[in-house]
Amino acid sequence: AKQQVKRFRDPLCPKPLLDRAAFDKALKANGITLSEHHFDNFYQRLHRSGYPPLDEFVAELRGEVVEKGVSSNDDGSVSVASHTNFRTKNSVSSRPGRKAQLPKALLEFLSNNVSAEADSDEKFATITSKVQMHQTSADGTTTKLAVELQDGHVVESVLMRHEGRCTLCVSSQVGCAMGCTFCATGTMGIRGH
């Protein structure tokens, strides 16, 4: 009997926080609507924090509120003074004392998300994949990465360094239907997208 190929993976749990559409959907299901500005500010802060585990990121956001002072606004947002050493292109965004707006409801949603009571369908994590293996060629021009996805499947990526530029090849599926004998991914057959 021929093995049935599963074309799509099971829904992820926890969901990746970087999946903006899933995050926005979960927020809206909880009555929270963020503006583009709030989303951008949130993701910039996550990036500048180095994508720590969600509980650490929430503690950092809450710590800023405690350490740098809070002013509650009439619109239900929290003003947090942001002082970072991160260089920005826009001089206005790096002014000392500049206040970033994060809605209180967002902070509450994230706080509840890291607690044990959070509904498993609404659980989020900052990073859901990890580099399982990396190998750089002797001449340093290529680096092969094996990235383990949240569901345990592994995809390959290759970073190729050329004069003046780099190219990154990223697998968009688990396995490959081509069956090329020289390629590890090709020999495993297709396992999912």
C-alpha atoms as a PDB file:
ATOM      1  CA  ALA A   1       0.000   0.000   0.000  1.00  0.00           C
ATOM      2  CA  LYS A   2       1.325   3.402  -0.948  1.00  0.00           C
ATOM      3  CA  GLN A   3       1.886   5.770   1.985  1.00  0.00           C
ATOM      4  CA  GLN A   4      -0.526   8.725   2.020  1.00  0.00           C
ATOM      5  CA  VAL A   5       1.354  12.017   1.832  1.00  0.00           C
ATOM      6  CA  LYS A   6       0.183  14.622   4.304  1.00  0.00           C
ATOM      7  CA  ARG A   7       0.217  17.874   2.348  1.00  0.00           C
ATOM      8  CA  PHE A   8      -0.417  20.207   5.263  1.00  0.00           C
ATOM      9  CA  ARG A   9       0.819  20.085   8.824  1.00  0.00           C
ATOM     10  CA  ASP A  10      -1.373  20.126  11.903  1.00  0.00           C
ATOM     11  CA  PRO A  11      -2.139  23.555  13.391  1.00  0.00           C
ATOM     12  CA  LEU A  12       0.753  24.777  15.505  1.00  0.00           C
ATOM     13  CA  CYS A  13       0.489  25.016  19.261  1.00  0.00           C
ATOM     14  CA  PRO A  14       1.849  27.283  20.524  1.00  0.00           C
ATOM     15  CA  LYS A  15       1.480  29.542  17.533  1.00  0.00           C
ATOM     16  CA  PRO A  16       4.427  31.665  16.427  1.00  0.00           C
ATOM     17  CA  LEU A  17       4.068  35.236  17.654  1.00  0.00           C
ATOM     18  CA  LEU A  18       5.659  36.321  14.369  1.00  0.00           C
ATOM     19  CA  ASP A  19       2.563  35.042  12.532  1.00  0.00           C
ATOM     20  CA  ARG A  20       0.971  38.466  12.541  1.00  0.00           C
ATOM     21  CA  ALA A  21      -2.312  37.272  11.027  1.00  0.00           C
ATOM     22  CA  ALA A  22      -2.791  34.558  13.691  1.00  0.00           C
ATOM     23  CA  PHE A  23      -1.774  36.972  16.455  1.00  0.00           C
ATOM     24  CA  ASP A  24      -4.162  39.649  15.165  1.00  0.00           C
ATOM     25  CA  LYS A  25      -6.980  37.076  14.898  1.00  0.00           C
ATOM     26  CA  ALA A  26      -6.440  35.942  18.516  1.00  0.00           C
ATOM     27  CA  LEU A  27      -6.356  39.541  19.716  1.00  0.00           C
ATOM     28  CA  LYS A  28      -9.575  40.389  17.862  1.00  0.00           C
ATOM     29  CA  ALA A  29     -11.237  37.255  19.276  1.00  0.00           C
ATOM     30  CA  ASN A  30     -10.485  38.783  22.694  1.00  0.00           C
ATOM     31  CA  GLY A  31     -11.860  42.192  21.728  1.00  0.00           C
ATOM     32  CA  ILE A  32      -8.436  43.783  21.165  1.00  0.00           C
ATOM     33  CA  THR A  33      -7.792  45.730  17.971  1.00  0.00           C
ATOM     34  CA  LEU A  34      -4.305  47.112  17.366  1.00  0.00           C
ATOM     35  CA  SER A  35      -3.432  49.853  14.936  1.00  0.00           C
ATOM     36  CA  GLU A  36      -0.603  49.385  12.451  1.00  0.00           C
ATOM     37  CA  HIS A  37       1.463  51.693  14.660  1.00  0.00           C
ATOM     38  CA  HIS A  38       0.889  49.459  17.712  1.00  0.00           C
ATOM     39  CA  PHE A  39       1.792  46.335  15.753  1.00  0.00           C
ATOM     40  CA  ASP A  40       4.943  47.946  14.369  1.00  0.00           C
ATOM     41  CA  ASN A  41       5.970  49.184  17.804  1.00  0.00           C
ATOM     42  CA  PHE A  42       5.332  45.773  19.358  1.00  0.00           C
ATOM     43  CA  TYR A  43       7.341  43.872  16.736  1.00  0.00           C
ATOM     44  CA  GLN A  44      10.183  46.426  16.872  1.00  0.00           C
ATOM     45  CA  ARG A  45      10.413  45.915  20.627  1.00  0.00           C
ATOM     46  CA  LEU A  46      10.380  42.139  20.206  1.00  0.00           C
ATOM     47  CA  HIS A  47      13.170  42.392  17.622  1.00  0.00           C
ATOM     48  CA  ARG A  48      15.247  44.789  19.722  1.00  0.00           C
ATOM     49  CA  SER A  49      14.880  42.434  22.685  1.00  0.00           C
ATOM     50  CA  GLY A  50      16.407  39.589  20.677  1.00  0.00           C
ATOM     51  CA  TYR A  51      13.269  37.386  20.598  1.00  0.00           C
ATOM     52  CA  PRO A  52      13.438  36.133  24.192  1.00  0.00           C
ATOM     53  CA  PRO A  53      10.945  33.520  25.410  1.00  0.00           C
ATOM     54  CA  LEU A  54       7.482  35.075  25.692  1.00  0.00           C
ATOM     55  CA  ASP A  55       7.420  35.057  29.492  1.00  0.00           C
ATOM     56  CA  GLU A  56      10.724  36.992  29.578  1.00  0.00           C
ATOM     57  CA  PHE A  57       9.495  39.448  26.951  1.00  0.00           C
ATOM     58  CA  VAL A  58       6.284  40.078  28.897  1.00  0.00           C
ATOM     59  CA  ALA A  59       8.329  40.568  32.080  1.00  0.00           C
ATOM     60  CA  GLU A  60      10.561  43.012  30.188  1.00  0.00           C
ATOM     61  CA  LEU A  61       7.532  44.971  28.974  1.00  0.00           C
ATOM     62  CA  ARG A  62       6.058  44.987  32.463  1.00  0.00           C
ATOM     63  CA  GLY A  63       9.489  45.868  33.915  1.00  0.00           C
ATOM     64  CA  GLU A  64       9.717  48.913  31.673  1.00  0.00           C
ATOM     65  CA  VAL A  65       6.337  49.992  32.942  1.00  0.00           C
ATOM     66  CA  VAL A  66       7.547  49.684  36.544  1.00  0.00           C
ATOM     67  CA  GLU A  67      11.087  51.022  36.064  1.00  0.00           C
ATOM     68  CA  LYS A  68      10.477  53.877  33.662  1.00  0.00           C
ATOM     69  CA  GLY A  69       7.131  55.039  34.864  1.00  0.00           C
ATOM     70  CA  VAL A  70       3.616  54.783  33.640  1.00  0.00           C
ATOM     71  CA  SER A  71       1.157  57.367  32.639  1.00  0.00           C
ATOM     72  CA  SER A  72      -2.307  56.014  31.951  1.00  0.00           C
ATOM     73  CA  ASN A  73      -3.974  57.750  29.083  1.00  0.00           C
ATOM     74  CA  ASP A  74      -7.690  58.354  28.579  1.00  0.00           C
ATOM     75  CA  ASP A  75      -7.657  56.028  25.553  1.00  0.00           C
ATOM     76  CA  GLY A  76      -6.706  52.984  27.674  1.00  0.00           C
ATOM     77  CA  SER A  77      -3.085  52.849  26.555  1.00  0.00           C
ATOM     78  CA  VAL A  78       0.066  52.865  28.628  1.00  0.00           C
ATOM     79  CA  SER A  79       2.829  55.346  27.867  1.00  0.00           C
ATOM     80  CA  VAL A  80       6.222  53.774  28.342  1.00  0.00           C
ATOM     81  CA  ALA A  81       9.357  55.872  28.113  1.00  0.00           C
ATOM     82  CA  SER A  82      11.686  54.076  25.744  1.00  0.00           C
ATOM     83  CA  HIS A  83      15.443  54.579  25.992  1.00  0.00           C
ATOM     84  CA  THR A  84      17.428  52.161  23.864  1.00  0.00           C
ATOM     85  CA  ASN A  85      20.880  52.132  22.326  1.00  0.00           C
ATOM     86  CA  PHE A  86      19.415  50.638  19.158  1.00  0.00           C
ATOM     87  CA  ARG A  87      20.232  52.874  16.225  1.00  0.00           C
ATOM     88  CA  THR A  88      17.278  53.948  14.154  1.00  0.00           C
ATOM     89  CA  LYS A  89      17.084  55.633  10.770  1.00  0.00           C
ATOM     90  CA  ASN A  90      14.674  58.265  11.983  1.00  0.00           C
ATOM     91  CA  SER A  91      16.131  60.781  14.432  1.00  0.00           C
ATOM     92  CA  VAL A  92      12.655  61.512  15.763  1.00  0.00           C
ATOM     93  CA  SER A  93      12.245  57.887  16.885  1.00  0.00           C
ATOM     94  CA  SER A  94      15.481  57.989  18.888  1.00  0.00           C
ATOM     95  CA  ARG A  95      14.764  61.175  20.824  1.00  0.00           C
ATOM     96  CA  PRO A  96      15.386  60.746  24.570  1.00  0.00           C
ATOM     97  CA  GLY A  97      12.135  60.490  26.473  1.00  0.00           C
ATOM     98  CA  ARG A  98      10.109  59.523  23.418  1.00  0.00           C
ATOM     99  CA  LYS A  99       7.016  57.621  24.524  1.00  0.00           C
ATOM    100  CA  ALA A 100       5.884  54.425  22.882  1.00  0.00           C
ATOM    101  CA  GLN A 101       2.244  53.448  23.147  1.00  0.00           C
ATOM    102  CA  LEU A 102       1.258  49.880  23.992  1.00  0.00           C
ATOM    103  CA  PRO A 103      -2.370  49.207  24.852  1.00  0.00           C
ATOM    104  CA  LYS A 104      -3.000  47.858  28.351  1.00  0.00           C
ATOM    105  CA  ALA A 105      -5.219  45.191  26.812  1.00  0.00           C
ATOM    106  CA  LEU A 106      -2.252  43.886  24.785  1.00  0.00           C
ATOM    107  CA  LEU A 107      -0.089  43.596  27.900  1.00  0.00           C
ATOM    108  CA  GLU A 108      -2.921  41.789  29.706  1.00  0.00           C
ATOM    109  CA  PHE A 109      -3.425  39.402  26.772  1.00  0.00           C
ATOM    110  CA  LEU A 110       0.293  38.582  26.717  1.00  0.00           C
ATOM    111  CA  SER A 111       0.414  38.160  30.498  1.00  0.00           C
ATOM    112  CA  ASN A 112      -2.535  35.784  30.391  1.00  0.00           C
ATOM    113  CA  ASN A 113      -0.952  33.974  27.454  1.00  0.00           C
ATOM    114  CA  VAL A 114       2.100  32.908  29.450  1.00  0.00           C
ATOM    115  CA  SER A 115      -0.014  31.676  32.356  1.00  0.00           C
ATOM    116  CA  ALA A 116      -1.095  28.060  32.646  1.00  0.00           C
ATOM    117  CA  GLU A 117      -4.760  29.050  32.299  1.00  0.00           C
ATOM    118  CA  ALA A 118      -4.405  30.303  28.734  1.00  0.00           C
ATOM    119  CA  ASP A 119      -6.488  28.417  26.176  1.00  0.00           C
ATOM    120  CA  SER A 120      -4.158  26.163  24.189  1.00  0.00           C
ATOM    121  CA  ASP A 121      -5.623  27.488  20.917  1.00  0.00           C
ATOM    122  CA  GLU A 122      -4.456  30.980  21.884  1.00  0.00           C
ATOM    123  CA  LYS A 123      -0.974  30.077  23.164  1.00  0.00           C
ATOM    124  CA  PHE A 124       1.862  31.946  21.451  1.00  0.00           C
ATOM    125  CA  ALA A 125       5.651  31.687  21.569  1.00  0.00           C
ATOM    126  CA  THR A 126       8.274  34.114  20.272  1.00  0.00           C
ATOM    127  CA  ILE A 127      10.283  31.409  18.502  1.00  0.00           C
ATOM    128  CA  THR A 128       8.929  28.018  17.489  1.00  0.00           C
ATOM    129  CA  SER A 129      11.854  26.631  15.443  1.00  0.00           C
ATOM    130  CA  LYS A 130      15.496  26.021  16.283  1.00  0.00           C
ATOM    131  CA  VAL A 131      18.723  25.394  14.416  1.00  0.00           C
ATOM    132  CA  GLN A 132      19.432  21.708  14.935  1.00  0.00           C
ATOM    133  CA  MET A 133      22.726  21.620  13.055  1.00  0.00           C
ATOM    134  CA  HIS A 134      24.933  23.980  11.093  1.00  0.00           C
ATOM    135  CA  GLN A 135      27.942  23.163   8.970  1.00  0.00           C
ATOM    136  CA  THR A 136      30.206  25.628   7.183  1.00  0.00           C
ATOM    137  CA  SER A 137      32.358  24.606   4.217  1.00  0.00           C
ATOM    138  CA  ALA A 138      36.133  24.621   4.558  1.00  0.00           C
ATOM    139  CA  ASP A 139      36.427  27.739   2.395  1.00  0.00           C
ATOM    140  CA  GLY A 140      33.667  29.504   4.366  1.00  0.00           C
ATOM    141  CA  THR A 141      31.519  30.271   1.325  1.00  0.00           C
ATOM    142  CA  THR A 142      28.520  28.111   2.279  1.00  0.00           C
ATOM    143  CA  THR A 143      26.775  27.247   5.512  1.00  0.00           C
ATOM    144  CA  LYS A 144      24.148  24.511   5.635  1.00  0.00           C
ATOM    145  CA  LEU A 145      21.526  24.692   8.374  1.00  0.00           C
ATOM    146  CA  ALA A 146      19.105  22.025   9.546  1.00  0.00           C
ATOM    147  CA  VAL A 147      16.163  23.823  11.152  1.00  0.00           C
ATOM    148  CA  GLU A 148      13.852  21.802  13.373  1.00  0.00           C
ATOM    149  CA  LEU A 149      10.303  23.034  13.106  1.00  0.00           C
ATOM    150  CA  GLN A 150       7.896  23.080  15.999  1.00  0.00           C
ATOM    151  CA  ASP A 151       6.247  19.837  14.903  1.00  0.00           C
ATOM    152  CA  GLY A 152       9.597  18.000  14.856  1.00  0.00           C
ATOM    153  CA  HIS A 153      10.102  18.041  11.088  1.00  0.00           C
ATOM    154  CA  VAL A 154      13.409  19.323   9.785  1.00  0.00           C
ATOM    155  CA  VAL A 155      13.998  21.591   6.787  1.00  0.00           C
ATOM    156  CA  GLU A 156      17.292  22.636   5.284  1.00  0.00           C
ATOM    157  CA  SER A 157      18.592  26.066   4.455  1.00  0.00           C
ATOM    158  CA  VAL A 158      21.840  27.033   2.792  1.00  0.00           C
ATOM    159  CA  LEU A 159      23.594  30.385   3.071  1.00  0.00           C
ATOM    160  CA  MET A 160      25.855  30.998   0.067  1.00  0.00           C
ATOM    161  CA  ARG A 161      28.358  33.824   0.274  1.00  0.00           C
ATOM    162  CA  HIS A 162      29.340  35.411  -3.023  1.00  0.00           C
ATOM    163  CA  GLU A 163      31.555  38.392  -3.688  1.00  0.00           C
ATOM    164  CA  GLY A 164      29.528  41.439  -2.647  1.00  0.00           C
ATOM    165  CA  ARG A 165      26.343  39.547  -1.728  1.00  0.00           C
ATOM    166  CA  CYS A 166      24.848  36.525  -0.005  1.00  0.00           C
ATOM    167  CA  THR A 167      22.067  34.183  -1.083  1.00  0.00           C
ATOM    168  CA  LEU A 168      19.865  32.220   1.298  1.00  0.00           C
ATOM    169  CA  CYS A 169      18.013  29.138   0.079  1.00  0.00           C
ATOM    170  CA  VAL A 170      15.147  28.248   2.434  1.00  0.00           C
ATOM    171  CA  SER A 171      12.995  25.124   2.179  1.00  0.00           C
ATOM    172  CA  SER A 172       9.306  25.920   1.999  1.00  0.00           C
ATOM    173  CA  GLN A 173       8.253  22.318   2.483  1.00  0.00           C
ATOM    174  CA  VAL A 174       9.310  19.275   4.473  1.00  0.00           C
ATOM    175  CA  GLY A 175      10.920  16.870   2.047  1.00  0.00           C
ATOM    176  CA  CYS A 176      10.882  16.981  -1.722  1.00  0.00           C
ATOM    177  CA  ALA A 177       9.022  14.996  -4.350  1.00  0.00           C
ATOM    178  CA  MET A 178      11.834  15.197  -6.929  1.00  0.00           C
ATOM    179  CA  GLY A 179      13.815  12.233  -5.548  1.00  0.00           C
ATOM    180  CA  CYS A 180      17.265  13.511  -6.533  1.00  0.00           C
ATOM    181  CA  THR A 181      19.793  11.005  -5.152  1.00  0.00           C
ATOM    182  CA  PHE A 182      22.476  13.643  -4.497  1.00  0.00           C
ATOM    183  CA  CYS A 183      20.189  15.685  -2.200  1.00  0.00           C
ATOM    184  CA  ALA A 184      19.341  14.602   1.355  1.00  0.00           C
ATOM    185  CA  THR A 185      15.978  16.356   1.207  1.00  0.00           C
ATOM    186  CA  GLY A 186      15.178  14.814  -2.172  1.00  0.00           C
ATOM    187  CA  THR A 187      15.740  11.279  -0.902  1.00  0.00           C
ATOM    188  CA  MET A 188      13.181  11.615   1.901  1.00  0.00           C
ATOM    189  CA  GLY A 189      10.176  12.247  -0.331  1.00  0.00           C
ATOM    190  CA  ILE A 190       7.561  14.900   0.345  1.00  0.00           C
ATOM    191  CA  ARG A 191       6.273  14.976   3.916  1.00  0.00           C
ATOM    192  CA  GLY A 192       4.337  18.240   4.113  1.00  0.00           C
ATOM    193  CA  HIS A 193       4.226  21.949   3.390  1.00  0.00           C
END
